[in-house]
Amino acid sequence: MKIAILTCEKLPDLNPEDQKIIPALAKHNIEASAAIWSDKSVNWTDFDYLIFRNTWDYFEKETEFKIWLDQIEKLGIKTLNPIEVIKQNIHKFYLREMEQQGITILPTVFIDKTDNLNLAERIPSHWKKAVIKPAFSAGSYLTEVFEASEIQAISEKYKSIASEKELLLQEFMPEIQTLGETSFIFFNKKFSHCVNKKPVEGDFRVQSQFGGKYNLVQPSPELIEKAQKIVDTFQDDLLYARVDGIVIEDDLHLMEIECIEPDLYFNLSENSLERFVAAIVELIP
């Protein structure tokens, strides 16, 4: 059994936490190696499975990545998570489908590509502050927070982006700055662990590169059940899923469910790497 653990040019050997997957799989007689998804010299048919982990530049190479996904699909190479899930998950309009299935999401306006972006016509009148970002993005890429009074300037700024990309316009929830963002991590659709991420004072971005602080937390059974409901909307098997949301008065408001390349915080939860590897072994014949 040969498995490629997918990464990007910036991290040819995977990030330090994901590097540990390789020797852990070797204990199960599975040969795993890092492979850069955009490397034209790789013969993908050499592998029995591909596992998406550190493909952290996919949103910067949108067209190339979509073509590559189609290529892998045509070759019939199995992937974890499945290609169909990846194709859905890279475009955040899936949140609209989640909402239609009864999942509580952050208040969101979904904006199709347009040459005539006018946010003033789209923003609900009671919103005082909002976040705008492309639907195909990650890591706060082209993301801005703005006051409702700045709507015209933001409209002008995003006009050229809107002509090329679908956008999400979301109500800014001040709780992100005080309560932070909570991530529920699942392996093979079973809850593993939970991490709370808080931004530095005055910021809204929880990512570590912006100074965000991460802590392992133990959520209530009710919150785990709500995150489980989100994961269970997927019909396919999932090696991993990370449910990101804001917990307000014991209710989970979904920000996104990451099924392509999220940090799984192996370093924060004891034995989580072993649980992840066990999930791999369960999902491959």
Protein backbone atom coordinates (compact mmCIF):
# COMPACT_ATOMS: atom_id res chain seq x y z
CA MET A 1 0.00 0.00 0.00
CA LYS A 2 1.46 3.32 -1.12
CA ILE A 3 -0.03 6.61 0.00
CA ALA A 4 0.88 10.15 -1.04
CA ILE A 5 0.32 12.81 1.60
CA LEU A 6 -0.42 15.90 -0.43
CA THR A 7 1.35 19.17 0.23
CA CYS A 8 2.41 22.34 -1.60
CA GLU A 9 5.65 23.90 -2.89
CA LYS A 10 5.98 26.02 0.27
CA LEU A 11 6.05 22.87 2.44
CA PRO A 12 7.65 20.14 0.30
CA ASP A 13 8.22 17.91 3.33
CA LEU A 14 4.88 18.69 5.03
CA ASN A 15 4.55 20.74 8.19
CA PRO A 16 6.21 19.24 11.29
CA GLU A 17 3.00 17.81 12.77
CA ASP A 18 1.93 16.14 9.54
CA GLN A 19 5.40 14.67 9.00
CA LYS A 20 4.63 12.39 11.94
CA ILE A 21 1.92 10.66 9.91
CA ILE A 22 4.55 8.90 7.77
CA PRO A 23 6.30 6.84 10.50
CA ALA A 24 2.93 6.26 12.20
CA LEU A 25 1.57 4.67 9.00
CA ALA A 26 4.76 2.63 8.60
CA LYS A 27 3.80 0.77 11.78
CA HIS A 28 0.80 -0.51 9.82
CA ASN A 29 3.00 -1.54 6.86
CA ILE A 30 1.76 1.41 4.82
CA GLU A 31 4.37 3.29 2.79
CA ALA A 32 3.57 7.00 2.86
CA SER A 33 5.48 9.94 1.40
CA ALA A 34 4.97 13.66 0.89
CA ALA A 35 3.99 14.74 -2.64
CA ILE A 36 3.49 18.25 -3.97
CA TRP A 37 0.12 18.32 -5.72
CA SER A 38 1.34 20.74 -8.42
CA ASP A 39 4.54 18.79 -9.20
CA LYS A 40 4.23 17.78 -12.87
CA SER A 41 6.90 15.09 -12.48
CA VAL A 42 4.83 12.96 -10.08
CA ASN A 43 3.23 9.83 -11.51
CA TRP A 44 0.03 9.75 -9.47
CA THR A 45 -0.84 6.24 -10.60
CA ASP A 46 2.07 5.01 -8.46
CA PHE A 47 -0.14 5.58 -5.41
CA ASP A 48 -3.08 3.62 -4.06
CA TYR A 49 -4.43 6.62 -2.14
CA LEU A 50 -3.86 10.36 -1.87
CA ILE A 51 -4.45 12.16 1.43
CA PHE A 52 -5.05 15.93 1.36
CA ARG A 53 -3.08 17.65 4.12
CA ASN A 54 -0.90 20.71 3.37
CA THR A 55 -2.24 21.84 -0.04
CA TRP A 56 -2.21 25.35 1.36
CA ASP A 57 -1.79 27.21 -1.94
CA TYR A 58 -4.81 25.75 -3.76
CA PHE A 59 -6.83 28.99 -3.51
CA GLU A 60 -3.95 30.94 -5.08
CA LYS A 61 -3.90 28.52 -8.04
CA GLU A 62 -7.63 28.07 -8.45
CA THR A 63 -7.75 27.04 -12.12
CA GLU A 64 -4.68 24.79 -11.88
CA PHE A 65 -6.04 23.05 -8.79
CA LYS A 66 -9.43 22.38 -10.37
CA ILE A 67 -7.76 20.92 -13.48
CA TRP A 68 -5.58 18.72 -11.26
CA LEU A 69 -8.61 17.45 -9.33
CA ASP A 70 -10.27 16.52 -12.62
CA GLN A 71 -7.10 14.69 -13.68
CA ILE A 72 -6.97 12.65 -10.47
CA GLU A 73 -10.65 11.84 -10.80
CA LYS A 74 -10.23 10.65 -14.41
CA LEU A 75 -7.28 8.48 -13.40
CA GLY A 76 -9.53 6.80 -10.84
CA ILE A 77 -7.09 7.35 -7.97
CA LYS A 78 -8.75 7.12 -4.57
CA THR A 79 -8.44 10.10 -2.28
CA LEU A 80 -9.13 10.85 1.38
CA ASN A 81 -11.28 12.86 1.56
CA PRO A 82 -13.12 11.90 -1.66
CA ILE A 83 -12.70 14.13 -4.72
CA GLU A 84 -16.44 14.93 -4.76
CA VAL A 85 -16.19 16.27 -1.20
CA ILE A 86 -13.05 18.26 -2.02
CA LYS A 87 -14.71 19.87 -5.06
CA GLN A 88 -17.66 20.95 -2.96
CA ASN A 89 -15.61 22.06 0.04
CA ILE A 90 -13.22 24.40 -1.79
CA HIS A 91 -16.12 26.72 -2.65
CA LYS A 92 -17.86 28.19 0.39
CA PHE A 93 -21.26 28.45 -1.27
CA TYR A 94 -21.74 24.99 0.31
CA LEU A 95 -22.77 27.02 3.37
CA ARG A 96 -26.00 27.89 1.56
CA GLU A 97 -26.75 24.18 1.19
CA MET A 98 -25.95 23.66 4.88
CA GLU A 99 -28.40 26.40 5.83
CA GLN A 100 -31.07 24.80 3.64
CA GLN A 101 -30.54 21.58 5.61
CA GLY A 102 -31.34 23.36 8.88
CA ILE A 103 -27.77 24.12 10.01
CA THR A 104 -27.28 27.48 11.77
CA ILE A 105 -24.65 29.46 9.84
CA LEU A 106 -23.37 32.99 10.33
CA PRO A 107 -25.74 35.47 8.63
CA THR A 108 -24.48 35.39 5.03
CA VAL A 109 -25.26 36.97 1.68
CA PHE A 110 -24.03 34.87 -1.28
CA ILE A 111 -22.92 37.01 -4.23
CA ASP A 112 -22.48 35.51 -7.69
CA LYS A 113 -19.84 36.84 -10.08
CA THR A 114 -20.86 40.26 -11.31
CA ASP A 115 -19.48 43.23 -13.23
CA ASN A 116 -21.81 45.53 -11.29
CA LEU A 117 -21.07 44.95 -7.62
CA ASN A 118 -23.20 47.14 -5.39
CA LEU A 119 -22.89 46.00 -1.78
CA ALA A 120 -25.21 48.75 -0.55
CA GLU A 121 -28.07 46.96 -2.32
CA ARG A 122 -27.14 43.61 -0.78
CA ILE A 123 -26.21 44.32 2.83
CA PRO A 124 -29.10 43.98 5.34
CA SER A 125 -29.94 47.37 6.86
CA HIS A 126 -29.46 46.24 10.47
CA TRP A 127 -25.85 45.09 9.95
CA LYS A 128 -23.43 47.53 11.58
CA LYS A 129 -20.27 45.69 10.55
CA ALA A 130 -19.52 43.02 7.95
CA VAL A 131 -16.88 40.67 6.55
CA ILE A 132 -16.30 40.16 2.84
CA LYS A 133 -14.23 37.41 1.24
CA PRO A 134 -14.09 35.24 -1.88
CA ALA A 135 -16.04 31.97 -1.81
CA PHE A 136 -12.87 30.21 -3.01
CA SER A 137 -10.38 31.19 -0.32
CA ALA A 138 -8.58 30.22 2.89
CA GLY A 139 -6.53 31.78 5.68
CA SER A 140 -8.14 35.25 5.53
CA TYR A 141 -7.18 35.57 1.81
CA LEU A 142 -8.70 38.79 0.39
CA THR A 143 -10.80 39.09 3.55
CA GLU A 144 -11.78 42.44 5.01
CA VAL A 145 -13.88 43.61 7.95
CA PHE A 146 -15.61 46.94 7.47
CA GLU A 147 -18.18 49.25 9.03
CA ALA A 148 -21.51 49.66 7.24
CA SER A 149 -20.57 53.32 6.68
CA GLU A 150 -17.64 52.16 4.51
CA ILE A 151 -19.83 50.15 2.13
CA GLN A 152 -19.25 52.31 -0.95
CA ALA A 153 -15.46 52.22 -0.63
CA ILE A 154 -15.48 48.43 -0.12
CA SER A 155 -17.77 48.03 -3.14
CA GLU A 156 -15.27 49.90 -5.28
CA LYS A 157 -12.36 47.92 -3.87
CA TYR A 158 -13.99 44.55 -4.57
CA LYS A 159 -15.49 45.35 -7.98
CA SER A 160 -12.65 43.76 -9.95
CA ILE A 161 -12.56 40.76 -7.59
CA ALA A 162 -16.34 40.30 -7.95
CA SER A 163 -15.99 40.09 -11.73
CA GLU A 164 -13.75 37.03 -11.31
CA LYS A 165 -14.88 35.40 -8.06
CA GLU A 166 -18.07 34.68 -6.14
CA LEU A 167 -18.13 36.46 -2.78
CA LEU A 168 -19.46 35.93 0.71
CA LEU A 169 -20.77 38.91 2.66
CA GLN A 170 -21.21 38.00 6.34
CA GLU A 171 -22.40 39.90 9.37
CA PHE A 172 -19.46 40.54 11.68
CA MET A 173 -20.02 38.80 15.00
CA PRO A 174 -18.21 40.68 17.80
CA GLU A 175 -18.09 37.43 19.77
CA ILE A 176 -15.20 36.30 17.53
CA GLN A 177 -13.02 38.83 19.38
CA THR A 178 -14.08 37.76 22.88
CA LEU A 179 -15.23 34.13 22.69
CA GLY A 180 -13.06 33.26 19.71
CA GLU A 181 -13.62 30.52 17.14
CA THR A 182 -14.11 26.91 18.21
CA SER A 183 -13.00 23.96 16.05
CA PHE A 184 -14.49 20.49 16.49
CA ILE A 185 -12.27 17.83 14.89
CA PHE A 186 -13.69 14.54 13.63
CA PHE A 187 -11.87 11.47 12.29
CA ASN A 188 -13.93 9.00 10.26
CA LYS A 189 -16.98 11.03 11.38
CA LYS A 190 -16.24 10.39 15.06
CA PHE A 191 -15.47 13.29 17.41
CA SER A 192 -11.78 13.45 18.40
CA HIS A 193 -11.02 16.77 20.10
CA CYS A 194 -11.86 20.46 20.23
CA VAL A 195 -9.76 23.64 20.09
CA ASN A 196 -10.66 27.24 20.85
CA LYS A 197 -8.81 29.99 18.95
CA LYS A 198 -8.78 33.62 20.02
CA PRO A 199 -7.34 36.57 18.11
CA VAL A 200 -4.97 39.09 19.62
CA GLU A 201 -6.67 42.14 21.07
CA GLY A 202 -8.05 44.42 18.39
CA ASP A 203 -7.88 41.80 15.61
CA PHE A 204 -10.50 39.39 14.28
CA ARG A 205 -8.23 36.83 12.61
CA VAL A 206 -7.68 33.74 14.74
CA GLN A 207 -4.95 32.14 12.60
CA SER A 208 -1.64 31.61 14.38
CA GLN A 209 0.24 33.64 11.74
CA PHE A 210 -1.73 36.66 12.95
CA GLY A 211 -1.00 35.95 16.62
CA GLY A 212 -4.06 33.82 17.43
CA LYS A 213 -3.87 31.74 20.63
CA TYR A 214 -5.03 28.11 20.61
CA ASN A 215 -6.23 26.03 23.55
CA LEU A 216 -7.64 22.53 23.87
CA VAL A 217 -11.18 22.69 25.32
CA GLN A 218 -13.83 20.17 26.33
CA PRO A 219 -17.19 21.12 24.80
CA SER A 220 -20.52 20.03 26.21
CA PRO A 221 -22.16 16.86 24.83
CA GLU A 222 -24.86 19.10 23.35
CA LEU A 223 -22.31 21.11 21.35
CA ILE A 224 -20.57 17.94 20.15
CA GLU A 225 -23.96 16.65 19.01
CA LYS A 226 -24.56 19.86 17.03
CA ALA A 227 -21.14 19.56 15.35
CA GLN A 228 -21.84 15.87 14.68
CA LYS A 229 -25.08 16.83 12.93
CA ILE A 230 -23.08 19.03 10.56
CA VAL A 231 -20.59 16.25 9.81
CA ASP A 232 -23.42 13.78 9.23
CA THR A 233 -24.83 15.90 6.39
CA PHE A 234 -22.08 14.29 4.26
CA GLN A 235 -23.07 11.00 2.63
CA ASP A 236 -19.47 10.10 1.81
CA ASP A 237 -16.84 8.71 4.17
CA LEU A 238 -14.66 11.43 5.66
CA LEU A 239 -11.16 10.77 6.93
CA TYR A 240 -11.36 14.11 8.71
CA ALA A 241 -13.60 17.12 9.06
CA ARG A 242 -13.11 20.25 11.12
CA VAL A 243 -16.24 22.13 12.11
CA ASP A 244 -15.40 25.79 12.75
CA GLY A 245 -17.90 28.05 14.43
CA ILE A 246 -18.71 30.58 17.11
CA VAL A 247 -20.43 29.28 20.22
CA ILE A 248 -22.96 31.86 21.38
CA GLU A 249 -25.19 30.98 24.35
CA ASP A 250 -24.54 27.26 23.87
CA ASP A 251 -25.51 27.37 20.20
CA LEU A 252 -23.04 26.62 17.42
CA HIS A 253 -23.01 29.11 14.54
CA LEU A 254 -21.18 27.46 11.65
CA MET A 255 -18.44 29.46 9.96
CA GLU A 256 -17.17 26.61 7.78
CA ILE A 257 -16.57 22.88 7.73
CA GLU A 258 -13.04 22.14 6.53
CA CYS A 259 -12.63 18.91 4.58
CA ILE A 260 -9.55 19.68 2.49
CA GLU A 261 -6.45 20.96 4.34
CA PRO A 262 -7.21 22.12 7.89
CA ASP A 263 -4.76 22.11 10.75
CA LEU A 264 -5.94 19.23 12.95
CA TYR A 265 -3.98 20.33 16.04
CA PHE A 266 -2.21 17.01 16.68
CA ASN A 267 0.15 18.93 18.99
CA LEU A 268 -2.67 20.00 21.30
CA SER A 269 -4.53 16.73 21.82
CA GLU A 270 -2.80 13.65 23.18
CA ASN A 271 -3.14 10.57 20.95
CA SER A 272 -4.98 12.53 18.24
CA LEU A 273 -2.37 11.54 15.65
CA GLU A 274 -2.90 7.89 16.56
CA ARG A 275 -6.67 8.34 16.19
CA PHE A 276 -6.11 9.96 12.79
CA VAL A 277 -3.91 7.09 11.58
CA ALA A 278 -6.42 4.55 12.91
CA ALA A 279 -9.09 6.29 10.82
CA ILE A 280 -6.89 5.93 7.71
CA VAL A 281 -6.46 2.20 8.39
CA GLU A 282 -10.25 1.84 8.87
CA LEU A 283 -11.05 3.56 5.57
CA ILE A 284 -8.63 1.73 3.24
CA PRO A 285 -9.21 -1.91 2.25
